[in-house]
Amino acid sequence: MNISEWTANRLKVLCKEKNITINKLATLSGITQSTLNSIIKGESKNPRLSTIKKICIGLNISINDFFDESFDELDID
């Protein structure tokens, strides 16, 4: 699994856990729906850390929570 796939999967899991839609997450995070959709669809190959931070604020979680232990399993080349 590459970083874009991992990020997309992580966002889907977190939205499900928080019971919010991708559209609602975009609003809460202050980022555009199109940006979030490109991450979810894997079109954004390497999302910026600043974008991830905004998403974490919208989800009311820390960056450490976003990059949980499953991040260690990621195949980064």
PDB file of N, CA and C in Angstrom:
ATOM      1  N   MET A   1       0.853  -1.173   0.000  1.00  0.00           N
ATOM      2  CA  MET A   1       0.000   0.000   0.000  1.00  0.00           C
ATOM      3  C   MET A   1       0.902   1.240   0.000  1.00  0.00           C
ATOM      4  N   ASN A   2       0.593   2.180  -0.892  1.00  0.00           N
ATOM      5  CA  ASN A   2       1.388   3.407  -0.928  1.00  0.00           C
ATOM      6  C   ASN A   2       0.738   4.483  -0.055  1.00  0.00           C
ATOM      7  N   ILE A   3       1.389   5.624   0.059  1.00  0.00           N
ATOM      8  CA  ILE A   3       0.934   6.670   0.975  1.00  0.00           C
ATOM      9  C   ILE A   3      -0.424   7.250   0.576  1.00  0.00           C
ATOM     10  N   SER A   4      -0.695   7.387  -0.715  1.00  0.00           N
ATOM     11  CA  SER A   4      -1.987   7.943  -1.116  1.00  0.00           C
ATOM     12  C   SER A   4      -3.127   6.967  -0.809  1.00  0.00           C
ATOM     13  N   GLU A   5      -2.888   5.680  -1.020  1.00  0.00           N
ATOM     14  CA  GLU A   5      -3.897   4.668  -0.683  1.00  0.00           C
ATOM     15  C   GLU A   5      -4.136   4.612   0.825  1.00  0.00           C
ATOM     16  N   TRP A   6      -3.047   4.663   1.583  1.00  0.00           N
ATOM     17  CA  TRP A   6      -3.161   4.624   3.038  1.00  0.00           C
ATOM     18  C   TRP A   6      -3.951   5.826   3.545  1.00  0.00           C
ATOM     19  N   THR A   7      -3.620   7.006   3.022  1.00  0.00           N
ATOM     20  CA  THR A   7      -4.291   8.232   3.455  1.00  0.00           C
ATOM     21  C   THR A   7      -5.780   8.185   3.132  1.00  0.00           C
ATOM     22  N   ALA A   8      -6.117   7.753   1.928  1.00  0.00           N
ATOM     23  CA  ALA A   8      -7.523   7.639   1.535  1.00  0.00           C
ATOM     24  C   ALA A   8      -8.263   6.671   2.455  1.00  0.00           C
ATOM     25  N   ASN A   9      -7.674   5.524   2.714  1.00  0.00           N
ATOM     26  CA  ASN A   9      -8.300   4.532   3.596  1.00  0.00           C
ATOM     27  C   ASN A   9      -8.458   5.079   5.012  1.00  0.00           C
ATOM     28  N   ARG A  10      -7.434   5.767   5.483  1.00  0.00           N
ATOM     29  CA  ARG A  10      -7.470   6.326   6.841  1.00  0.00           C
ATOM     30  C   ARG A  10      -8.589   7.356   6.966  1.00  0.00           C
ATOM     31  N   LEU A  11      -8.732   8.205   5.961  1.00  0.00           N
ATOM     32  CA  LEU A  11      -9.794   9.211   5.988  1.00  0.00           C
ATOM     33  C   LEU A  11     -11.175   8.567   6.001  1.00  0.00           C
ATOM     34  N   LYS A  12     -11.347   7.540   5.200  1.00  0.00           N
ATOM     35  CA  LYS A  12     -12.630   6.835   5.169  1.00  0.00           C
ATOM     36  C   LYS A  12     -12.954   6.223   6.530  1.00  0.00           C
ATOM     37  N   VAL A  13     -11.967   5.604   7.153  1.00  0.00           N
ATOM     38  CA  VAL A  13     -12.162   4.989   8.471  1.00  0.00           C
ATOM     39  C   VAL A  13     -12.515   6.053   9.507  1.00  0.00           C
ATOM     40  N   LEU A  14     -11.771   7.149   9.507  1.00  0.00           N
ATOM     41  CA  LEU A  14     -12.019   8.197  10.495  1.00  0.00           C
ATOM     42  C   LEU A  14     -13.384   8.848  10.304  1.00  0.00           C
ATOM     43  N   CYS A  15     -13.780   9.068   9.064  1.00  0.00           N
ATOM     44  CA  CYS A  15     -15.109   9.640   8.812  1.00  0.00           C
ATOM     45  C   CYS A  15     -16.201   8.692   9.294  1.00  0.00           C
ATOM     46  N   LYS A  16     -16.000   7.408   9.062  1.00  0.00           N
ATOM     47  CA  LYS A  16     -16.983   6.420   9.525  1.00  0.00           C
ATOM     48  C   LYS A  16     -17.043   6.414  11.052  1.00  0.00           C
ATOM     49  N   GLU A  17     -15.877   6.442  11.697  1.00  0.00           N
ATOM     50  CA  GLU A  17     -15.828   6.458  13.165  1.00  0.00           C
ATOM     51  C   GLU A  17     -16.518   7.690  13.734  1.00  0.00           C
ATOM     52  N   LYS A  18     -16.322   8.836  13.078  1.00  0.00           N
ATOM     53  CA  LYS A  18     -16.904  10.105  13.541  1.00  0.00           C
ATOM     54  C   LYS A  18     -18.321  10.316  13.016  1.00  0.00           C
ATOM     55  N   ASN A  19     -18.762   9.398  12.154  1.00  0.00           N
ATOM     56  CA  ASN A  19     -20.099   9.467  11.556  1.00  0.00           C
ATOM     57  C   ASN A  19     -20.328  10.790  10.806  1.00  0.00           C
ATOM     58  N   ILE A  20     -19.334  11.139   9.980  1.00  0.00           N
ATOM     59  CA  ILE A  20     -19.462  12.346   9.158  1.00  0.00           C
ATOM     60  C   ILE A  20     -19.149  12.007   7.703  1.00  0.00           C
ATOM     61  N   THR A  21     -19.680  12.809   6.809  1.00  0.00           N
ATOM     62  CA  THR A  21     -19.431  12.618   5.383  1.00  0.00           C
ATOM     63  C   THR A  21     -18.146  13.335   4.984  1.00  0.00           C
ATOM     64  N   ILE A  22     -17.658  13.008   3.810  1.00  0.00           N
ATOM     65  CA  ILE A  22     -16.494  13.691   3.269  1.00  0.00           C
ATOM     66  C   ILE A  22     -16.807  15.180   3.089  1.00  0.00           C
ATOM     67  N   ASN A  23     -18.016  15.484   2.651  1.00  0.00           N
ATOM     68  CA  ASN A  23     -18.422  16.880   2.481  1.00  0.00           C
ATOM     69  C   ASN A  23     -18.384  17.624   3.814  1.00  0.00           C
ATOM     70  N   LYS A  24     -18.891  17.003   4.855  1.00  0.00           N
ATOM     71  CA  LYS A  24     -18.881  17.614   6.190  1.00  0.00           C
ATOM     72  C   LYS A  24     -17.446  17.796   6.671  1.00  0.00           C
ATOM     73  N   LEU A  25     -16.594  16.821   6.410  1.00  0.00           N
ATOM     74  CA  LEU A  25     -15.186  16.930   6.804  1.00  0.00           C
ATOM     75  C   LEU A  25     -14.523  18.104   6.097  1.00  0.00           C
ATOM     76  N   ALA A  26     -14.830  18.300   4.833  1.00  0.00           N
ATOM     77  CA  ALA A  26     -14.266  19.439   4.099  1.00  0.00           C
ATOM     78  C   ALA A  26     -14.666  20.750   4.773  1.00  0.00           C
ATOM     79  N   THR A  27     -15.928  20.854   5.144  1.00  0.00           N
ATOM     80  CA  THR A  27     -16.421  22.058   5.817  1.00  0.00           C
ATOM     81  C   THR A  27     -15.734  22.252   7.164  1.00  0.00           C
ATOM     82  N   LEU A  28     -15.670  21.196   7.950  1.00  0.00           N
ATOM     83  CA  LEU A  28     -15.049  21.282   9.274  1.00  0.00           C
ATOM     84  C   LEU A  28     -13.557  21.596   9.201  1.00  0.00           C
ATOM     85  N   SER A  29     -12.918  21.129   8.124  1.00  0.00           N
ATOM     86  CA  SER A  29     -11.471  21.287   7.971  1.00  0.00           C
ATOM     87  C   SER A  29     -11.077  22.596   7.301  1.00  0.00           C
ATOM     88  N   GLY A  30     -12.031  23.233   6.655  1.00  0.00           N
ATOM     89  CA  GLY A  30     -11.714  24.464   5.945  1.00  0.00           C
ATOM     90  C   GLY A  30     -10.931  24.233   4.670  1.00  0.00           C
ATOM     91  N   ILE A  31     -11.112  23.048   4.085  1.00  0.00           N
ATOM     92  CA  ILE A  31     -10.482  22.768   2.793  1.00  0.00           C
ATOM     93  C   ILE A  31     -11.589  22.485   1.787  1.00  0.00           C
ATOM     94  N   THR A  32     -11.251  22.582   0.526  1.00  0.00           N
ATOM     95  CA  THR A  32     -12.277  22.406  -0.491  1.00  0.00           C
ATOM     96  C   THR A  32     -12.663  20.942  -0.630  1.00  0.00           C
ATOM     97  N   GLN A  33     -13.896  20.762  -1.056  1.00  0.00           N
ATOM     98  CA  GLN A  33     -14.406  19.411  -1.320  1.00  0.00           C
ATOM     99  C   GLN A  33     -13.551  18.734  -2.391  1.00  0.00           C
ATOM    100  N   SER A  34     -13.133  19.499  -3.395  1.00  0.00           N
ATOM    101  CA  SER A  34     -12.342  18.911  -4.483  1.00  0.00           C
ATOM    102  C   SER A  34     -10.982  18.425  -3.984  1.00  0.00           C
ATOM    103  N   THR A  35     -10.391  19.145  -3.053  1.00  0.00           N
ATOM    104  CA  THR A  35      -9.113  18.702  -2.482  1.00  0.00           C
ATOM    105  C   THR A  35      -9.294  17.391  -1.737  1.00  0.00           C
ATOM    106  N   LEU A  36     -10.310  17.336  -0.917  1.00  0.00           N
ATOM    107  CA  LEU A  36     -10.566  16.119  -0.158  1.00  0.00           C
ATOM    108  C   LEU A  36     -10.930  14.957  -1.079  1.00  0.00           C
ATOM    109  N   ASN A  37     -11.727  15.226  -2.108  1.00  0.00           N
ATOM    110  CA  ASN A  37     -12.073  14.176  -3.067  1.00  0.00           C
ATOM    111  C   ASN A  37     -10.843  13.648  -3.792  1.00  0.00           C
ATOM    112  N   SER A  38      -9.911  14.522  -4.135  1.00  0.00           N
ATOM    113  CA  SER A  38      -8.707  14.058  -4.831  1.00  0.00           C
ATOM    114  C   SER A  38      -7.847  13.182  -3.929  1.00  0.00           C
ATOM    115  N   ILE A  39      -7.867  13.457  -2.632  1.00  0.00           N
ATOM    116  CA  ILE A  39      -7.149  12.596  -1.689  1.00  0.00           C
ATOM    117  C   ILE A  39      -7.854  11.244  -1.584  1.00  0.00           C
ATOM    118  N   ILE A  40      -9.166  11.265  -1.432  1.00  0.00           N
ATOM    119  CA  ILE A  40      -9.950  10.035  -1.293  1.00  0.00           C
ATOM    120  C   ILE A  40      -9.839   9.152  -2.538  1.00  0.00           C
ATOM    121  N   LYS A  41      -9.833   9.767  -3.713  1.00  0.00           N
ATOM    122  CA  LYS A  41      -9.752   9.011  -4.970  1.00  0.00           C
ATOM    123  C   LYS A  41      -8.333   8.578  -5.306  1.00  0.00           C
ATOM    124  N   GLY A  42      -7.346   9.027  -4.526  1.00  0.00           N
ATOM    125  CA  GLY A  42      -5.961   8.669  -4.787  1.00  0.00           C
ATOM    126  C   GLY A  42      -5.309   9.504  -5.866  1.00  0.00           C
ATOM    127  N   GLU A  43      -5.979  10.559  -6.290  1.00  0.00           N
ATOM    128  CA  GLU A  43      -5.413  11.440  -7.320  1.00  0.00           C
ATOM    129  C   GLU A  43      -4.297  12.315  -6.746  1.00  0.00           C
ATOM    130  N   SER A  44      -4.403  12.630  -5.478  1.00  0.00           N
ATOM    131  CA  SER A  44      -3.357  13.385  -4.791  1.00  0.00           C
ATOM    132  C   SER A  44      -2.355  12.370  -4.263  1.00  0.00           C
ATOM    133  N   LYS A  45      -1.226  12.261  -4.919  1.00  0.00           N
ATOM    134  CA  LYS A  45      -0.266  11.205  -4.610  1.00  0.00           C
ATOM    135  C   LYS A  45       0.499  11.436  -3.313  1.00  0.00           C
ATOM    136  N   ASN A  46       0.613  12.696  -2.904  1.00  0.00           N
ATOM    137  CA  ASN A  46       1.373  13.006  -1.704  1.00  0.00           C
ATOM    138  C   ASN A  46       0.770  14.250  -1.047  1.00  0.00           C
ATOM    139  N   PRO A  47      -0.325  14.072  -0.291  1.00  0.00           N
ATOM    140  CA  PRO A  47      -0.983  15.224   0.317  1.00  0.00           C
ATOM    141  C   PRO A  47      -0.042  15.983   1.254  1.00  0.00           C
ATOM    142  N   ARG A  48      -0.164  17.293   1.254  1.00  0.00           N
ATOM    143  CA  ARG A  48       0.680  18.124   2.102  1.00  0.00           C
ATOM    144  C   ARG A  48       0.357  17.891   3.573  1.00  0.00           C
ATOM    145  N   LEU A  49       1.376  18.016   4.396  1.00  0.00           N
ATOM    146  CA  LEU A  49       1.180  17.875   5.832  1.00  0.00           C
ATOM    147  C   LEU A  49       0.248  18.969   6.355  1.00  0.00           C
ATOM    148  N   SER A  50       0.314  20.154   5.771  1.00  0.00           N
ATOM    149  CA  SER A  50      -0.583  21.237   6.197  1.00  0.00           C
ATOM    150  C   SER A  50      -2.044  20.872   5.926  1.00  0.00           C
ATOM    151  N   THR A  51      -2.304  20.157   4.851  1.00  0.00           N
ATOM    152  CA  THR A  51      -3.661  19.696   4.549  1.00  0.00           C
ATOM    153  C   THR A  51      -4.093  18.639   5.556  1.00  0.00           C
ATOM    154  N   ILE A  52      -3.199  17.707   5.854  1.00  0.00           N
ATOM    155  CA  ILE A  52      -3.494  16.668   6.848  1.00  0.00           C
ATOM    156  C   ILE A  52      -3.771  17.308   8.207  1.00  0.00           C
ATOM    157  N   LYS A  53      -3.004  18.339   8.549  1.00  0.00           N
ATOM    158  CA  LYS A  53      -3.219  19.023   9.831  1.00  0.00           C
ATOM    159  C   LYS A  53      -4.609  19.651   9.876  1.00  0.00           C
ATOM    160  N   LYS A  54      -5.041  20.284   8.785  1.00  0.00           N
ATOM    161  CA  LYS A  54      -6.381  20.875   8.733  1.00  0.00           C
ATOM    162  C   LYS A  54      -7.452  19.793   8.878  1.00  0.00           C
ATOM    163  N   ILE A  55      -7.225  18.659   8.243  1.00  0.00           N
ATOM    164  CA  ILE A  55      -8.159  17.539   8.352  1.00  0.00           C
ATOM    165  C   ILE A  55      -8.238  17.068   9.803  1.00  0.00           C
ATOM    166  N   CYS A  56      -7.100  16.970  10.454  1.00  0.00           N
ATOM    167  CA  CYS A  56      -7.074  16.551  11.858  1.00  0.00           C
ATOM    168  C   CYS A  56      -7.834  17.533  12.743  1.00  0.00           C
ATOM    169  N   ILE A  57      -7.690  18.812  12.470  1.00  0.00           N
ATOM    170  CA  ILE A  57      -8.438  19.821  13.225  1.00  0.00           C
ATOM    171  C   ILE A  57      -9.934  19.610  13.009  1.00  0.00           C
ATOM    172  N   GLY A  58     -10.325  19.376  11.763  1.00  0.00           N
ATOM    173  CA  GLY A  58     -11.728  19.118  11.457  1.00  0.00           C
ATOM    174  C   GLY A  58     -12.265  17.872  12.135  1.00  0.00           C
ATOM    175  N   LEU A  59     -11.424  16.871  12.267  1.00  0.00           N
ATOM    176  CA  LEU A  59     -11.821  15.621  12.925  1.00  0.00           C
ATOM    177  C   LEU A  59     -11.670  15.685  14.444  1.00  0.00           C
ATOM    178  N   ASN A  60     -11.051  16.769  14.918  1.00  0.00           N
ATOM    179  CA  ASN A  60     -10.786  16.943  16.344  1.00  0.00           C
ATOM    180  C   ASN A  60      -9.896  15.819  16.891  1.00  0.00           C
ATOM    181  N   ILE A  61      -8.832  15.531  16.119  1.00  0.00           N
ATOM    182  CA  ILE A  61      -7.843  14.539  16.535  1.00  0.00           C
ATOM    183  C   ILE A  61      -6.450  15.143  16.351  1.00  0.00           C
ATOM    184  N   SER A  62      -5.472  14.529  16.971  1.00  0.00           N
ATOM    185  CA  SER A  62      -4.092  14.980  16.797  1.00  0.00           C
ATOM    186  C   SER A  62      -3.485  14.336  15.545  1.00  0.00           C
ATOM    187  N   ILE A  63      -2.407  14.913  15.092  1.00  0.00           N
ATOM    188  CA  ILE A  63      -1.693  14.312  13.961  1.00  0.00           C
ATOM    189  C   ILE A  63      -1.177  12.930  14.360  1.00  0.00           C
ATOM    190  N   ASN A  64      -0.780  12.773  15.615  1.00  0.00           N
ATOM    191  CA  ASN A  64      -0.351  11.457  16.091  1.00  0.00           C
ATOM    192  C   ASN A  64      -1.464  10.431  15.966  1.00  0.00           C
ATOM    193  N   ASP A  65      -2.700  10.860  16.258  1.00  0.00           N
ATOM    194  CA  ASP A  65      -3.834   9.945  16.112  1.00  0.00           C
ATOM    195  C   ASP A  65      -4.073   9.596  14.649  1.00  0.00           C
ATOM    196  N   PHE A  66      -3.870  10.576  13.775  1.00  0.00           N
ATOM    197  CA  PHE A  66      -4.055  10.303  12.350  1.00  0.00           C
ATOM    198  C   PHE A  66      -3.049   9.264  11.872  1.00  0.00           C
ATOM    199  N   PHE A  67      -1.781   9.475  12.234  1.00  0.00           N
ATOM    200  CA  PHE A  67      -0.722   8.547  11.848  1.00  0.00           C
ATOM    201  C   PHE A  67      -0.550   7.514  12.953  1.00  0.00           C
ATOM    202  N   ASP A  68      -1.529   6.650  13.097  1.00  0.00           N
ATOM    203  CA  ASP A  68      -1.492   5.630  14.135  1.00  0.00           C
ATOM    204  C   ASP A  68      -0.492   4.532  13.783  1.00  0.00           C
ATOM    205  N   GLU A  69      -0.509   3.487  14.545  1.00  0.00           N
ATOM    206  CA  GLU A  69       0.457   2.405  14.353  1.00  0.00           C
ATOM    207  C   GLU A  69       0.377   1.741  12.983  1.00  0.00           C
ATOM    208  N   SER A  70      -0.757   1.834  12.316  1.00  0.00           N
ATOM    209  CA  SER A  70      -0.868   1.220  10.993  1.00  0.00           C
ATOM    210  C   SER A  70       0.004   1.924   9.956  1.00  0.00           C
ATOM    211  N   PHE A  71       0.421   3.146  10.260  1.00  0.00           N
ATOM    212  CA  PHE A  71       1.294   3.882   9.340  1.00  0.00           C
ATOM    213  C   PHE A  71       2.654   3.180   9.210  1.00  0.00           C
ATOM    214  N   ASP A  72       3.057   2.474  10.264  1.00  0.00           N
ATOM    215  CA  ASP A  72       4.334   1.753  10.237  1.00  0.00           C
ATOM    216  C   ASP A  72       4.353   0.650   9.185  1.00  0.00           C
ATOM    217  N   GLU A  73       3.186   0.174   8.805  1.00  0.00           N
ATOM    218  CA  GLU A  73       3.079  -0.905   7.821  1.00  0.00           C
ATOM    219  C   GLU A  73       3.155  -0.398   6.381  1.00  0.00           C
ATOM    220  N   LEU A  74       3.192   0.915   6.226  1.00  0.00           N
ATOM    221  CA  LEU A  74       3.170   1.538   4.908  1.00  0.00           C
ATOM    222  C   LEU A  74       4.470   1.264   4.156  1.00  0.00           C
ATOM    223  N   ASP A  75       4.332   0.992   2.872  1.00  0.00           N
ATOM    224  CA  ASP A  75       5.487   0.749   2.011  1.00  0.00           C
ATOM    225  C   ASP A  75       5.894   2.073   1.366  1.00  0.00           C
ATOM    226  N   ILE A  76       6.881   2.733   1.951  1.00  0.00           N
ATOM    227  CA  ILE A  76       7.336   4.030   1.440  1.00  0.00           C
ATOM    228  C   ILE A  76       8.646   3.845   0.681  1.00  0.00           C
ATOM    229  N   ASP A  77       8.591   4.231  -0.594  1.00  0.00           N
ATOM    230  CA  ASP A  77       9.782   4.159  -1.436  1.00  0.00           C
ATOM    231  C   ASP A  77      10.207   5.544  -1.856  1.00  0.00           C
TER     232      ASP A  77
END
